[in-house]
Amino acid sequence: MPQRESLYHEHPDYRVDLEPHPGRVRVMLGGEVIADSTRAVRVLETRHSAVVYLPRDDVRMELLERTDHESFCPFKGEASYWTLRAGDQSLENVVWSYEDPFEQVNGLKNYVSFYPDRVELEES
């Protein structure tokens, strides 16, 4: 897929802000802990709900299998996806990451996010 560019230059008021999550975030599937972090970040993006991202070091990456699915955000970049396999469950494309994010959101590098309606996400 050819490299696409950001649209910040066309929408200078569009915001994607990263802030430290104030507490602990745990992701579970079927009672099994998939991720546990006190170093998560919240992404606050114009016209979107806040999204929690966790550092890869705090995620059991061995439970994830990369898929061919990709998407593009004109303010964050190309997103890669993973299927989560834990116990007898398999959730396709439930995890995503901006592995080479645009400069404006470079803090997302080495972080992943989970669709919160498909896993058990606890924030404290």
Protein backbone atom coordinates (compact mmCIF):
# COMPACT_ATOMS: atom_id res chain seq x y z
CA MET A 1 0.00 0.00 0.00
CA PRO A 2 1.52 3.41 -0.92
CA GLN A 3 2.41 5.77 1.92
CA ARG A 4 -0.41 8.23 2.52
CA GLU A 5 0.04 11.62 4.09
CA SER A 6 -1.63 13.33 7.01
CA LEU A 7 -4.36 15.92 6.63
CA TYR A 8 -3.20 18.17 9.46
CA HIS A 9 -2.18 20.79 6.92
CA GLU A 10 -5.77 20.92 5.59
CA HIS A 11 -7.39 20.83 9.05
CA PRO A 12 -5.14 22.82 11.42
CA ASP A 13 -7.79 22.85 14.19
CA TYR A 14 -8.12 19.05 14.27
CA ARG A 15 -6.70 17.65 17.50
CA VAL A 16 -5.32 14.26 18.51
CA ASP A 17 -4.01 14.65 22.05
CA LEU A 18 -2.31 11.94 24.07
CA GLU A 19 -2.50 12.10 27.84
CA PRO A 20 -1.35 9.65 30.50
CA HIS A 21 -4.16 7.45 31.83
CA PRO A 22 -4.49 8.31 35.52
CA GLY A 23 -4.81 4.74 36.79
CA ARG A 24 -4.52 1.08 35.93
CA VAL A 25 -5.95 -0.58 32.82
CA ARG A 26 -6.52 -4.32 32.53
CA VAL A 27 -7.74 -6.20 29.48
CA MET A 28 -9.17 -9.68 29.95
CA LEU A 29 -10.79 -12.32 27.82
CA GLY A 30 -12.66 -15.17 29.47
CA GLY A 31 -11.09 -14.29 32.81
CA GLU A 32 -7.54 -14.47 31.40
CA VAL A 33 -5.44 -11.31 31.76
CA ILE A 34 -4.27 -10.15 28.33
CA ALA A 35 -2.83 -6.78 29.37
CA ASP A 36 -2.18 -4.97 32.64
CA SER A 37 -0.74 -1.47 32.66
CA THR A 38 -0.26 1.64 34.74
CA ARG A 39 1.40 3.32 31.74
CA ALA A 40 -1.57 3.53 29.37
CA VAL A 41 -2.43 6.67 27.43
CA ARG A 42 -5.78 8.13 26.50
CA VAL A 43 -6.17 9.49 23.00
CA LEU A 44 -8.53 12.44 22.80
CA GLU A 45 -9.42 13.07 19.17
CA THR A 46 -11.72 15.68 17.66
CA ARG A 47 -15.21 14.24 17.07
CA HIS A 48 -14.32 10.87 18.65
CA SER A 49 -14.67 9.26 22.07
CA ALA A 50 -11.50 8.81 24.12
CA VAL A 51 -9.54 5.64 23.28
CA VAL A 52 -7.12 3.87 25.62
CA TYR A 53 -3.80 2.58 24.28
CA LEU A 54 -1.44 0.31 26.22
CA PRO A 55 2.31 -0.12 25.80
CA ARG A 56 3.20 -3.37 24.03
CA ASP A 57 5.49 -4.26 26.93
CA ASP A 58 2.37 -4.54 29.12
CA VAL A 59 0.45 -6.74 26.65
CA ARG A 60 0.82 -10.49 26.24
CA MET A 61 1.79 -10.14 22.58
CA GLU A 62 2.30 -13.92 22.30
CA LEU A 63 -1.52 -14.21 22.36
CA LEU A 64 -1.83 -11.96 19.30
CA GLU A 65 -1.55 -13.01 15.68
CA ARG A 66 -1.08 -10.33 13.05
CA THR A 67 -3.68 -10.24 10.27
CA ASP A 68 -3.64 -8.73 6.79
CA HIS A 69 -6.29 -6.18 7.76
CA GLU A 70 -5.22 -2.53 7.66
CA SER A 71 -6.96 0.82 7.91
CA PHE A 72 -5.93 4.43 7.47
CA CYS A 73 -6.58 7.48 9.65
CA PRO A 74 -5.60 10.79 8.06
CA PHE A 75 -4.52 12.06 11.48
CA LYS A 76 -2.75 9.02 12.93
CA GLY A 77 -1.56 6.96 9.94
CA GLU A 78 -1.77 3.31 8.87
CA ALA A 79 -3.19 0.90 11.45
CA SER A 80 -2.23 -2.78 11.64
CA TYR A 81 -4.50 -5.36 13.27
CA TRP A 82 -4.19 -8.56 15.31
CA THR A 83 -6.41 -11.47 16.25
CA LEU A 84 -6.47 -12.32 19.96
CA ARG A 85 -6.45 -15.99 20.94
CA ALA A 86 -6.96 -16.85 24.59
CA GLY A 87 -8.34 -20.08 25.98
CA ASP A 88 -10.93 -21.37 23.54
CA GLN A 89 -11.74 -17.90 22.19
CA SER A 90 -10.50 -16.14 19.10
CA LEU A 91 -11.38 -12.53 18.32
CA GLU A 92 -10.34 -11.44 14.84
CA ASN A 93 -8.96 -7.91 14.33
CA VAL A 94 -9.75 -6.89 17.91
CA VAL A 95 -6.36 -5.22 18.49
CA TRP A 96 -4.80 -2.44 16.43
CA SER A 97 -1.68 -0.31 16.45
CA TYR A 98 -0.12 2.58 14.56
CA GLU A 99 3.34 1.11 14.14
CA ASP A 100 4.67 4.10 12.21
CA PRO A 101 2.32 6.93 13.25
CA PHE A 102 2.43 10.44 11.85
CA GLU A 103 4.89 12.76 13.57
CA GLN A 104 2.10 14.63 15.36
CA VAL A 105 1.11 11.45 17.25
CA ASN A 106 4.49 9.73 17.46
CA GLY A 107 3.70 8.89 21.11
CA LEU A 108 1.43 6.08 19.81
CA LYS A 109 4.43 4.12 18.53
CA ASN A 110 4.76 0.81 20.42
CA TYR A 111 1.22 1.08 21.82
CA VAL A 112 -1.84 -1.03 20.99
CA SER A 113 -5.54 -0.66 21.58
CA PHE A 114 -8.40 -3.13 21.98
CA TYR A 115 -12.02 -2.77 20.89
CA PRO A 116 -13.55 -2.32 24.37
CA ASP A 117 -16.90 -3.83 23.37
CA ARG A 118 -15.20 -7.12 22.42
CA VAL A 119 -12.94 -7.69 25.46
CA GLU A 120 -13.28 -7.04 29.18
CA LEU A 121 -11.66 -3.67 29.81
CA GLU A 122 -11.22 -2.51 33.41
CA GLU A 123 -10.04 0.99 34.25
CA SER A 124 -9.25 1.99 37.82
